[in-house]
């Protein structure tokens, strides 16, 4: 199974891809894939997830931090966090660690 098709679970460890540069513009993050010359923008919550990935994190660790920071039910937080991480993985902004 390739990384692009990996299913992210709560136990999956995620880290930033090394070839990604990023900058913050207002409250949004902008990523640049230097190998592909592609640009990506993130909303504030996705940007916060990106910030958490400064060090390798499990999906569960990310969900717990988001639950502490936002008024959201646990199921919605888990589902949406996994969706964001899956999208980041497809775009090669992050990779499965280990």
PDB file of N, CA and C in Angstrom:
ATOM      1  N   UNK A   1       0.852  -1.182   0.000  1.00  0.00           N
ATOM      2  CA  UNK A   1       0.000   0.000   0.000  1.00  0.00           C
ATOM      3  C   UNK A   1       0.892   1.237   0.000  1.00  0.00           C
ATOM      4  N   UNK A   2       0.647   2.177  -0.875  1.00  0.00           N
ATOM      5  CA  UNK A   2       1.456   3.385  -0.919  1.00  0.00           C
ATOM      6  C   UNK A   2       1.008   4.341   0.169  1.00  0.00           C
ATOM      7  N   UNK A   3       1.876   5.281   0.513  1.00  0.00           N
ATOM      8  CA  UNK A   3       1.530   6.253   1.545  1.00  0.00           C
ATOM      9  C   UNK A   3       0.298   7.061   1.163  1.00  0.00           C
ATOM     10  N   UNK A   4       0.156   7.385  -0.129  1.00  0.00           N
ATOM     11  CA  UNK A   4      -0.987   8.187  -0.559  1.00  0.00           C
ATOM     12  C   UNK A   4      -2.310   7.485  -0.257  1.00  0.00           C
ATOM     13  N   UNK A   5      -2.289   6.171  -0.247  1.00  0.00           N
ATOM     14  CA  UNK A   5      -3.514   5.414  -0.037  1.00  0.00           C
ATOM     15  C   UNK A   5      -3.639   4.885   1.383  1.00  0.00           C
ATOM     16  N   UNK A   6      -2.670   5.204   2.242  1.00  0.00           N
ATOM     17  CA  UNK A   6      -2.731   4.741   3.623  1.00  0.00           C
ATOM     18  C   UNK A   6      -3.975   5.285   4.301  1.00  0.00           C
ATOM     19  N   UNK A   7      -4.593   4.443   5.087  1.00  0.00           N
ATOM     20  CA  UNK A   7      -5.756   4.881   5.852  1.00  0.00           C
ATOM     21  C   UNK A   7      -5.268   5.430   7.188  1.00  0.00           C
ATOM     22  N   UNK A   8      -5.559   6.670   7.455  1.00  0.00           N
ATOM     23  CA  UNK A   8      -5.162   7.275   8.717  1.00  0.00           C
ATOM     24  C   UNK A   8      -6.161   6.874   9.792  1.00  0.00           C
ATOM     25  N   UNK A   9      -5.636   6.394  10.915  1.00  0.00           N
ATOM     26  CA  UNK A   9      -6.452   6.040  12.069  1.00  0.00           C
ATOM     27  C   UNK A   9      -6.008   6.917  13.241  1.00  0.00           C
ATOM     28  N   UNK A  10      -6.649   6.754  14.376  1.00  0.00           N
ATOM     29  CA  UNK A  10      -6.267   7.532  15.551  1.00  0.00           C
ATOM     30  C   UNK A  10      -4.866   7.180  16.033  1.00  0.00           C
ATOM     31  N   UNK A  11      -4.393   5.985  15.709  1.00  0.00           N
ATOM     32  CA  UNK A  11      -3.065   5.542  16.145  1.00  0.00           C
ATOM     33  C   UNK A  11      -1.956   5.932  15.172  1.00  0.00           C
ATOM     34  N   UNK A  12      -2.314   6.419  13.992  1.00  0.00           N
ATOM     35  CA  UNK A  12      -1.313   6.759  12.979  1.00  0.00           C
ATOM     36  C   UNK A  12      -0.451   7.928  13.438  1.00  0.00           C
ATOM     37  N   UNK A  13       0.860   7.772  13.318  1.00  0.00           N
ATOM     38  CA  UNK A  13       1.794   8.871  13.602  1.00  0.00           C
ATOM     39  C   UNK A  13       2.055   9.620  12.300  1.00  0.00           C
ATOM     40  N   UNK A  14       1.957  10.935  12.391  1.00  0.00           N
ATOM     41  CA  UNK A  14       2.079  11.798  11.213  1.00  0.00           C
ATOM     42  C   UNK A  14       3.199  12.805  11.457  1.00  0.00           C
ATOM     43  N   UNK A  15       3.929  13.116  10.398  1.00  0.00           N
ATOM     44  CA  UNK A  15       4.942  14.170  10.475  1.00  0.00           C
ATOM     45  C   UNK A  15       4.897  14.989   9.194  1.00  0.00           C
ATOM     46  N   UNK A  16       5.459  16.172   9.266  1.00  0.00           N
ATOM     47  CA  UNK A  16       5.540  17.037   8.082  1.00  0.00           C
ATOM     48  C   UNK A  16       6.496  16.426   7.068  1.00  0.00           C
ATOM     49  N   UNK A  17       6.191  16.620   5.801  1.00  0.00           N
ATOM     50  CA  UNK A  17       7.135  16.249   4.752  1.00  0.00           C
ATOM     51  C   UNK A  17       8.284  17.250   4.774  1.00  0.00           C
ATOM     52  N   UNK A  18       9.465  16.776   4.502  1.00  0.00           N
ATOM     53  CA  UNK A  18      10.649  17.629   4.604  1.00  0.00           C
ATOM     54  C   UNK A  18      10.776  18.648   3.485  1.00  0.00           C
ATOM     55  N   UNK A  19      10.148  18.408   2.348  1.00  0.00           N
ATOM     56  CA  UNK A  19      10.322  19.302   1.205  1.00  0.00           C
ATOM     57  C   UNK A  19       9.282  20.420   1.144  1.00  0.00           C
ATOM     58  N   UNK A  20       8.618  20.690   2.274  1.00  0.00           N
ATOM     59  CA  UNK A  20       7.573  21.705   2.302  1.00  0.00           C
ATOM     60  C   UNK A  20       8.062  22.937   3.050  1.00  0.00           C
ATOM     61  N   UNK A  21       7.958  24.085   2.391  1.00  0.00           N
ATOM     62  CA  UNK A  21       8.214  25.366   3.038  1.00  0.00           C
ATOM     63  C   UNK A  21       6.860  25.973   3.367  1.00  0.00           C
ATOM     64  N   UNK A  22       6.788  26.794   4.411  1.00  0.00           N
ATOM     65  CA  UNK A  22       5.502  27.395   4.744  1.00  0.00           C
ATOM     66  C   UNK A  22       5.686  28.794   5.302  1.00  0.00           C
ATOM     67  N   UNK A  23       4.625  29.562   5.194  1.00  0.00           N
ATOM     68  CA  UNK A  23       4.608  30.917   5.700  1.00  0.00           C
ATOM     69  C   UNK A  23       3.203  31.217   6.196  1.00  0.00           C
ATOM     70  N   UNK A  24       3.092  32.157   7.108  1.00  0.00           N
ATOM     71  CA  UNK A  24       1.778  32.551   7.607  1.00  0.00           C
ATOM     72  C   UNK A  24       1.427  33.915   7.026  1.00  0.00           C
ATOM     73  N   UNK A  25       0.222  34.001   6.459  1.00  0.00           N
ATOM     74  CA  UNK A  25      -0.288  35.248   5.909  1.00  0.00           C
ATOM     75  C   UNK A  25      -1.610  35.514   6.604  1.00  0.00           C
ATOM     76  N   UNK A  26      -1.671  36.585   7.371  1.00  0.00           N
ATOM     77  CA  UNK A  26      -2.809  36.857   8.248  1.00  0.00           C
ATOM     78  C   UNK A  26      -2.967  35.648   9.168  1.00  0.00           C
ATOM     79  N   UNK A  27      -4.123  34.975   9.143  1.00  0.00           N
ATOM     80  CA  UNK A  27      -4.317  33.804   9.993  1.00  0.00           C
ATOM     81  C   UNK A  27      -4.208  32.505   9.203  1.00  0.00           C
ATOM     82  N   UNK A  28      -3.876  32.590   7.940  1.00  0.00           N
ATOM     83  CA  UNK A  28      -3.793  31.401   7.092  1.00  0.00           C
ATOM     84  C   UNK A  28      -2.336  31.003   6.867  1.00  0.00           C
ATOM     85  N   UNK A  29      -2.137  29.713   6.666  1.00  0.00           N
ATOM     86  CA  UNK A  29      -0.813  29.196   6.340  1.00  0.00           C
ATOM     87  C   UNK A  29      -0.776  28.911   4.846  1.00  0.00           C
ATOM     88  N   UNK A  30       0.359  29.186   4.236  1.00  0.00           N
ATOM     89  CA  UNK A  30       0.577  28.879   2.830  1.00  0.00           C
ATOM     90  C   UNK A  30       1.779  27.952   2.756  1.00  0.00           C
ATOM     91  N   UNK A  31       1.604  26.807   2.078  1.00  0.00           N
ATOM     92  CA  UNK A  31       2.660  25.830   1.927  1.00  0.00           C
ATOM     93  C   UNK A  31       3.162  25.824   0.486  1.00  0.00           C
ATOM     94  N   UNK A  32       4.452  25.569   0.340  1.00  0.00           N
ATOM     95  CA  UNK A  32       5.061  25.462  -0.979  1.00  0.00           C
ATOM     96  C   UNK A  32       5.818  24.142  -1.023  1.00  0.00           C
ATOM     97  N   UNK A  33       5.432  23.303  -1.975  1.00  0.00           N
ATOM     98  CA  UNK A  33       6.156  22.055  -2.211  1.00  0.00           C
ATOM     99  C   UNK A  33       7.284  22.400  -3.169  1.00  0.00           C
ATOM    100  N   UNK A  34       8.520  22.451  -2.654  1.00  0.00           N
ATOM    101  CA  UNK A  34       9.636  22.915  -3.468  1.00  0.00           C
ATOM    102  C   UNK A  34      10.001  21.938  -4.581  1.00  0.00           C
ATOM    103  N   UNK A  35       9.700  20.653  -4.413  1.00  0.00           N
ATOM    104  CA  UNK A  35       9.998  19.680  -5.463  1.00  0.00           C
ATOM    105  C   UNK A  35       9.040  19.817  -6.639  1.00  0.00           C
ATOM    106  N   UNK A  36       7.755  20.058  -6.340  1.00  0.00           N
ATOM    107  CA  UNK A  36       6.746  20.130  -7.397  1.00  0.00           C
ATOM    108  C   UNK A  36       6.401  21.557  -7.793  1.00  0.00           C
ATOM    109  N   UNK A  37       6.871  22.549  -7.024  1.00  0.00           N
ATOM    110  CA  UNK A  37       6.533  23.933  -7.312  1.00  0.00           C
ATOM    111  C   UNK A  37       5.054  24.218  -7.114  1.00  0.00           C
ATOM    112  N   UNK A  38       4.406  23.517  -6.186  1.00  0.00           N
ATOM    113  CA  UNK A  38       2.973  23.671  -5.947  1.00  0.00           C
ATOM    114  C   UNK A  38       2.736  24.459  -4.658  1.00  0.00           C
ATOM    115  N   UNK A  39       1.669  25.259  -4.681  1.00  0.00           N
ATOM    116  CA  UNK A  39       1.285  26.067  -3.526  1.00  0.00           C
ATOM    117  C   UNK A  39      -0.027  25.559  -2.954  1.00  0.00           C
ATOM    118  N   UNK A  40      -0.141  25.611  -1.609  1.00  0.00           N
ATOM    119  CA  UNK A  40      -1.362  25.173  -0.935  1.00  0.00           C
ATOM    120  C   UNK A  40      -1.681  26.159   0.178  1.00  0.00           C
ATOM    121  N   UNK A  41      -2.961  26.445   0.375  1.00  0.00           N
ATOM    122  CA  UNK A  41      -3.396  27.298   1.470  1.00  0.00           C
ATOM    123  C   UNK A  41      -4.170  26.483   2.486  1.00  0.00           C
ATOM    124  N   UNK A  42      -4.133  26.919   3.742  1.00  0.00           N
ATOM    125  CA  UNK A  42      -4.861  26.223   4.804  1.00  0.00           C
ATOM    126  C   UNK A  42      -5.649  27.225   5.620  1.00  0.00           C
ATOM    127  N   UNK A  43      -6.839  26.808   6.039  1.00  0.00           N
ATOM    128  CA  UNK A  43      -7.620  27.642   6.940  1.00  0.00           C
ATOM    129  C   UNK A  43      -6.973  27.603   8.331  1.00  0.00           C
ATOM    130  N   UNK A  44      -7.443  28.432   9.261  1.00  0.00           N
ATOM    131  CA  UNK A  44      -6.792  28.484  10.582  1.00  0.00           C
ATOM    132  C   UNK A  44      -6.731  27.156  11.332  1.00  0.00           C
ATOM    133  N   UNK A  45      -7.765  26.333  11.288  1.00  0.00           N
ATOM    134  CA  UNK A  45      -7.731  25.065  12.024  1.00  0.00           C
ATOM    135  C   UNK A  45      -6.747  24.090  11.374  1.00  0.00           C
ATOM    136  N   UNK A  46      -6.768  23.988  10.055  1.00  0.00           N
ATOM    137  CA  UNK A  46      -5.785  23.133   9.372  1.00  0.00           C
ATOM    138  C   UNK A  46      -4.374  23.651   9.635  1.00  0.00           C
ATOM    139  N   UNK A  47      -4.230  24.965   9.691  1.00  0.00           N
ATOM    140  CA  UNK A  47      -2.932  25.557  10.018  1.00  0.00           C
ATOM    141  C   UNK A  47      -2.488  25.209  11.431  1.00  0.00           C
ATOM    142  N   UNK A  48      -3.445  25.133  12.339  1.00  0.00           N
ATOM    143  CA  UNK A  48      -3.130  24.742  13.712  1.00  0.00           C
ATOM    144  C   UNK A  48      -2.671  23.276  13.752  1.00  0.00           C
ATOM    145  N   UNK A  49      -3.326  22.433  12.963  1.00  0.00           N
ATOM    146  CA  UNK A  49      -2.878  21.036  12.867  1.00  0.00           C
ATOM    147  C   UNK A  49      -1.455  20.998  12.323  1.00  0.00           C
ATOM    148  N   UNK A  50      -1.182  21.791  11.305  1.00  0.00           N
ATOM    149  CA  UNK A  50       0.170  21.866  10.740  1.00  0.00           C
ATOM    150  C   UNK A  50       1.175  22.267  11.824  1.00  0.00           C
ATOM    151  N   UNK A  51       0.822  23.272  12.637  1.00  0.00           N
ATOM    152  CA  UNK A  51       1.713  23.700  13.710  1.00  0.00           C
ATOM    153  C   UNK A  51       1.999  22.558  14.681  1.00  0.00           C
ATOM    154  N   UNK A  52       0.978  21.771  14.997  1.00  0.00           N
ATOM    155  CA  UNK A  52       1.159  20.635  15.907  1.00  0.00           C
ATOM    156  C   UNK A  52       2.142  19.621  15.331  1.00  0.00           C
ATOM    157  N   UNK A  53       2.216  19.552  14.013  1.00  0.00           N
ATOM    158  CA  UNK A  53       3.077  18.567  13.358  1.00  0.00           C
ATOM    159  C   UNK A  53       4.526  19.030  13.254  1.00  0.00           C
ATOM    160  N   UNK A  54       4.871  20.082  13.996  1.00  0.00           N
ATOM    161  CA  UNK A  54       6.271  20.469  14.086  1.00  0.00           C
ATOM    162  C   UNK A  54       7.079  19.294  14.643  1.00  0.00           C
ATOM    163  N   UNK A  55       6.413  18.509  15.491  1.00  0.00           N
ATOM    164  CA  UNK A  55       6.972  17.236  15.950  1.00  0.00           C
ATOM    165  C   UNK A  55       5.970  16.148  15.563  1.00  0.00           C
ATOM    166  N   UNK A  56       6.435  14.934  15.415  1.00  0.00           N
ATOM    167  CA  UNK A  56       5.566  13.816  15.052  1.00  0.00           C
ATOM    168  C   UNK A  56       4.464  13.666  16.098  1.00  0.00           C
ATOM    169  N   UNK A  57       3.224  13.525  15.629  1.00  0.00           N
ATOM    170  CA  UNK A  57       2.057  13.387  16.496  1.00  0.00           C
ATOM    171  C   UNK A  57       1.200  12.242  15.993  1.00  0.00           C
ATOM    172  N   UNK A  58       0.490  11.591  16.915  1.00  0.00           N
ATOM    173  CA  UNK A  58      -0.530  10.651  16.472  1.00  0.00           C
ATOM    174  C   UNK A  58      -1.801  11.454  16.194  1.00  0.00           C
ATOM    175  N   UNK A  59      -2.666  10.878  15.405  1.00  0.00           N
ATOM    176  CA  UNK A  59      -3.947  11.524  15.136  1.00  0.00           C
ATOM    177  C   UNK A  59      -4.677  11.764  16.453  1.00  0.00           C
ATOM    178  N   UNK A  60      -4.639  10.810  17.358  1.00  0.00           N
ATOM    179  CA  UNK A  60      -5.303  10.950  18.658  1.00  0.00           C
ATOM    180  C   UNK A  60      -4.762  12.150  19.436  1.00  0.00           C
ATOM    181  N   UNK A  61      -3.457  12.357  19.431  1.00  0.00           N
ATOM    182  CA  UNK A  61      -2.877  13.506  20.129  1.00  0.00           C
ATOM    183  C   UNK A  61      -3.398  14.813  19.539  1.00  0.00           C
ATOM    184  N   UNK A  62      -3.490  14.869  18.230  1.00  0.00           N
ATOM    185  CA  UNK A  62      -4.000  16.069  17.568  1.00  0.00           C
ATOM    186  C   UNK A  62      -5.460  16.304  17.949  1.00  0.00           C
ATOM    187  N   UNK A  63      -6.260  15.242  17.903  1.00  0.00           N
ATOM    188  CA  UNK A  63      -7.680  15.350  18.254  1.00  0.00           C
ATOM    189  C   UNK A  63      -7.828  15.852  19.689  1.00  0.00           C
ATOM    190  N   UNK A  64      -7.060  15.320  20.617  1.00  0.00           N
ATOM    191  CA  UNK A  64      -7.159  15.732  22.017  1.00  0.00           C
ATOM    192  C   UNK A  64      -6.843  17.217  22.181  1.00  0.00           C
ATOM    193  N   UNK A  65      -5.839  17.702  21.474  1.00  0.00           N
ATOM    194  CA  UNK A  65      -5.481  19.122  21.554  1.00  0.00           C
ATOM    195  C   UNK A  65      -6.585  19.999  20.960  1.00  0.00           C
ATOM    196  N   UNK A  66      -7.174  19.557  19.861  1.00  0.00           N
ATOM    197  CA  UNK A  66      -8.260  20.326  19.247  1.00  0.00           C
ATOM    198  C   UNK A  66      -9.499  20.330  20.135  1.00  0.00           C
ATOM    199  N   UNK A  67      -9.806  19.199  20.760  1.00  0.00           N
ATOM    200  CA  UNK A  67     -10.953  19.127  21.669  1.00  0.00           C
ATOM    201  C   UNK A  67     -10.776  20.074  22.856  1.00  0.00           C
ATOM    202  N   UNK A  68      -9.542  20.229  23.316  1.00  0.00           N
ATOM    203  CA  UNK A  68      -9.270  21.138  24.427  1.00  0.00           C
ATOM    204  C   UNK A  68      -9.379  22.601  24.009  1.00  0.00           C
ATOM    205  N   UNK A  69      -9.132  22.872  22.722  1.00  0.00           N
ATOM    206  CA  UNK A  69      -9.107  24.253  22.241  1.00  0.00           C
ATOM    207  C   UNK A  69     -10.446  24.737  21.682  1.00  0.00           C
ATOM    208  N   UNK A  70     -11.292  23.819  21.204  1.00  0.00           N
ATOM    209  CA  UNK A  70     -12.524  24.202  20.512  1.00  0.00           C
ATOM    210  C   UNK A  70     -13.733  23.510  21.116  1.00  0.00           C
ATOM    211  N   UNK A  71     -14.869  24.166  21.010  1.00  0.00           N
ATOM    212  CA  UNK A  71     -16.131  23.553  21.425  1.00  0.00           C
ATOM    213  C   UNK A  71     -16.681  22.762  20.251  1.00  0.00           C
ATOM    214  N   UNK A  72     -16.348  21.486  20.224  1.00  0.00           N
ATOM    215  CA  UNK A  72     -16.769  20.588  19.155  1.00  0.00           C
ATOM    216  C   UNK A  72     -16.950  19.202  19.776  1.00  0.00           C
ATOM    217  N   UNK A  73     -17.917  18.452  19.264  1.00  0.00           N
ATOM    218  CA  UNK A  73     -18.083  17.109  19.822  1.00  0.00           C
ATOM    219  C   UNK A  73     -16.957  16.209  19.318  1.00  0.00           C
ATOM    220  N   UNK A  74     -16.659  15.193  20.107  1.00  0.00           N
ATOM    221  CA  UNK A  74     -15.498  14.336  19.856  1.00  0.00           C
ATOM    222  C   UNK A  74     -15.576  13.634  18.503  1.00  0.00           C
ATOM    223  N   UNK A  75     -16.749  13.133  18.137  1.00  0.00           N
ATOM    224  CA  UNK A  75     -16.880  12.409  16.860  1.00  0.00           C
ATOM    225  C   UNK A  75     -16.619  13.329  15.672  1.00  0.00           C
ATOM    226  N   UNK A  76     -17.184  14.525  15.699  1.00  0.00           N
ATOM    227  CA  UNK A  76     -16.951  15.490  14.617  1.00  0.00           C
ATOM    228  C   UNK A  76     -15.470  15.842  14.537  1.00  0.00           C
ATOM    229  N   UNK A  77     -14.857  16.058  15.683  1.00  0.00           N
ATOM    230  CA  UNK A  77     -13.435  16.403  15.711  1.00  0.00           C
ATOM    231  C   UNK A  77     -12.588  15.278  15.130  1.00  0.00           C
ATOM    232  N   UNK A  78     -12.869  14.041  15.536  1.00  0.00           N
ATOM    233  CA  UNK A  78     -12.110  12.895  15.001  1.00  0.00           C
ATOM    234  C   UNK A  78     -12.278  12.786  13.491  1.00  0.00           C
ATOM    235  N   UNK A  79     -13.518  12.837  13.034  1.00  0.00           N
ATOM    236  CA  UNK A  79     -13.807  12.678  11.601  1.00  0.00           C
ATOM    237  C   UNK A  79     -13.141  13.768  10.781  1.00  0.00           C
ATOM    238  N   UNK A  80     -13.308  15.016  11.196  1.00  0.00           N
ATOM    239  CA  UNK A  80     -12.764  16.128  10.411  1.00  0.00           C
ATOM    240  C   UNK A  80     -11.242  16.189  10.478  1.00  0.00           C
ATOM    241  N   UNK A  81     -10.659  15.824  11.619  1.00  0.00           N
ATOM    242  CA  UNK A  81      -9.200  15.799  11.726  1.00  0.00           C
ATOM    243  C   UNK A  81      -8.619  14.737  10.789  1.00  0.00           C
ATOM    244  N   UNK A  82      -9.223  13.561  10.771  1.00  0.00           N
ATOM    245  CA  UNK A  82      -8.756  12.503   9.863  1.00  0.00           C
ATOM    246  C   UNK A  82      -8.897  12.949   8.416  1.00  0.00           C
ATOM    247  N   UNK A  83      -9.995  13.629   8.065  1.00  0.00           N
ATOM    248  CA  UNK A  83     -10.176  14.123   6.698  1.00  0.00           C
ATOM    249  C   UNK A  83      -9.086  15.124   6.323  1.00  0.00           C
ATOM    250  N   UNK A  84      -8.765  16.038   7.227  1.00  0.00           N
ATOM    251  CA  UNK A  84      -7.711  17.027   6.962  1.00  0.00           C
ATOM    252  C   UNK A  84      -6.371  16.327   6.779  1.00  0.00           C
ATOM    253  N   UNK A  85      -6.064  15.377   7.658  1.00  0.00           N
ATOM    254  CA  UNK A  85      -4.788  14.660   7.557  1.00  0.00           C
ATOM    255  C   UNK A  85      -4.715  13.824   6.280  1.00  0.00           C
ATOM    256  N   UNK A  86      -5.829  13.201   5.891  1.00  0.00           N
ATOM    257  CA  UNK A  86      -5.858  12.430   4.640  1.00  0.00           C
ATOM    258  C   UNK A  86      -5.571  13.356   3.452  1.00  0.00           C
ATOM    259  N   UNK A  87      -6.181  14.542   3.467  1.00  0.00           N
ATOM    260  CA  UNK A  87      -5.954  15.497   2.372  1.00  0.00           C
ATOM    261  C   UNK A  87      -4.489  15.943   2.353  1.00  0.00           C
ATOM    262  N   UNK A  88      -3.943  16.246   3.515  1.00  0.00           N
ATOM    263  CA  UNK A  88      -2.527  16.634   3.594  1.00  0.00           C
ATOM    264  C   UNK A  88      -1.630  15.513   3.081  1.00  0.00           C
ATOM    265  N   UNK A  89      -1.985  14.267   3.400  1.00  0.00           N
ATOM    266  CA  UNK A  89      -1.203  13.126   2.948  1.00  0.00           C
ATOM    267  C   UNK A  89      -1.279  12.990   1.426  1.00  0.00           C
ATOM    268  N   UNK A  90      -2.491  13.117   0.872  1.00  0.00           N
ATOM    269  CA  UNK A  90      -2.663  13.047  -0.598  1.00  0.00           C
ATOM    270  C   UNK A  90      -1.859  14.133  -1.304  1.00  0.00           C
ATOM    271  N   UNK A  91      -1.790  15.319  -0.692  1.00  0.00           N
ATOM    272  CA  UNK A  91      -1.051  16.438  -1.271  1.00  0.00           C
ATOM    273  C   UNK A  91       0.440  16.373  -0.975  1.00  0.00           C
ATOM    274  N   UNK A  92       0.837  15.346  -0.205  1.00  0.00           N
ATOM    275  CA  UNK A  92       2.242  15.108   0.158  1.00  0.00           C
ATOM    276  C   UNK A  92       2.807  16.219   1.026  1.00  0.00           C
ATOM    277  N   UNK A  93       1.939  16.856   1.816  1.00  0.00           N
ATOM    278  CA  UNK A  93       2.389  17.851   2.784  1.00  0.00           C
ATOM    279  C   UNK A  93       2.893  17.174   4.060  1.00  0.00           C
ATOM    280  N   UNK A  94       2.330  15.990   4.338  1.00  0.00           N
ATOM    281  CA  UNK A  94       2.726  15.205   5.503  1.00  0.00           C
ATOM    282  C   UNK A  94       2.981  13.775   5.051  1.00  0.00           C
ATOM    283  N   UNK A  95       3.557  13.003   5.957  1.00  0.00           N
ATOM    284  CA  UNK A  95       3.771  11.588   5.679  1.00  0.00           C
ATOM    285  C   UNK A  95       3.557  10.803   6.951  1.00  0.00           C
ATOM    286  N   UNK A  96       3.286   9.522   6.769  1.00  0.00           N
ATOM    287  CA  UNK A  96       3.124   8.628   7.913  1.00  0.00           C
ATOM    288  C   UNK A  96       4.506   8.365   8.476  1.00  0.00           C
ATOM    289  N   UNK A  97       4.648   8.571   9.779  1.00  0.00           N
ATOM    290  CA  UNK A  97       5.955   8.394  10.427  1.00  0.00           C
ATOM    291  C   UNK A  97       6.140   6.933  10.840  1.00  0.00           C
ATOM    292  N   UNK A  98       7.357   6.495  10.790  1.00  0.00           N
ATOM    293  CA  UNK A  98       7.679   5.157  11.277  1.00  0.00           C
ATOM    294  C   UNK A  98       7.476   4.143  10.252  1.00  0.00           C
TER     295      UNK A  98
END
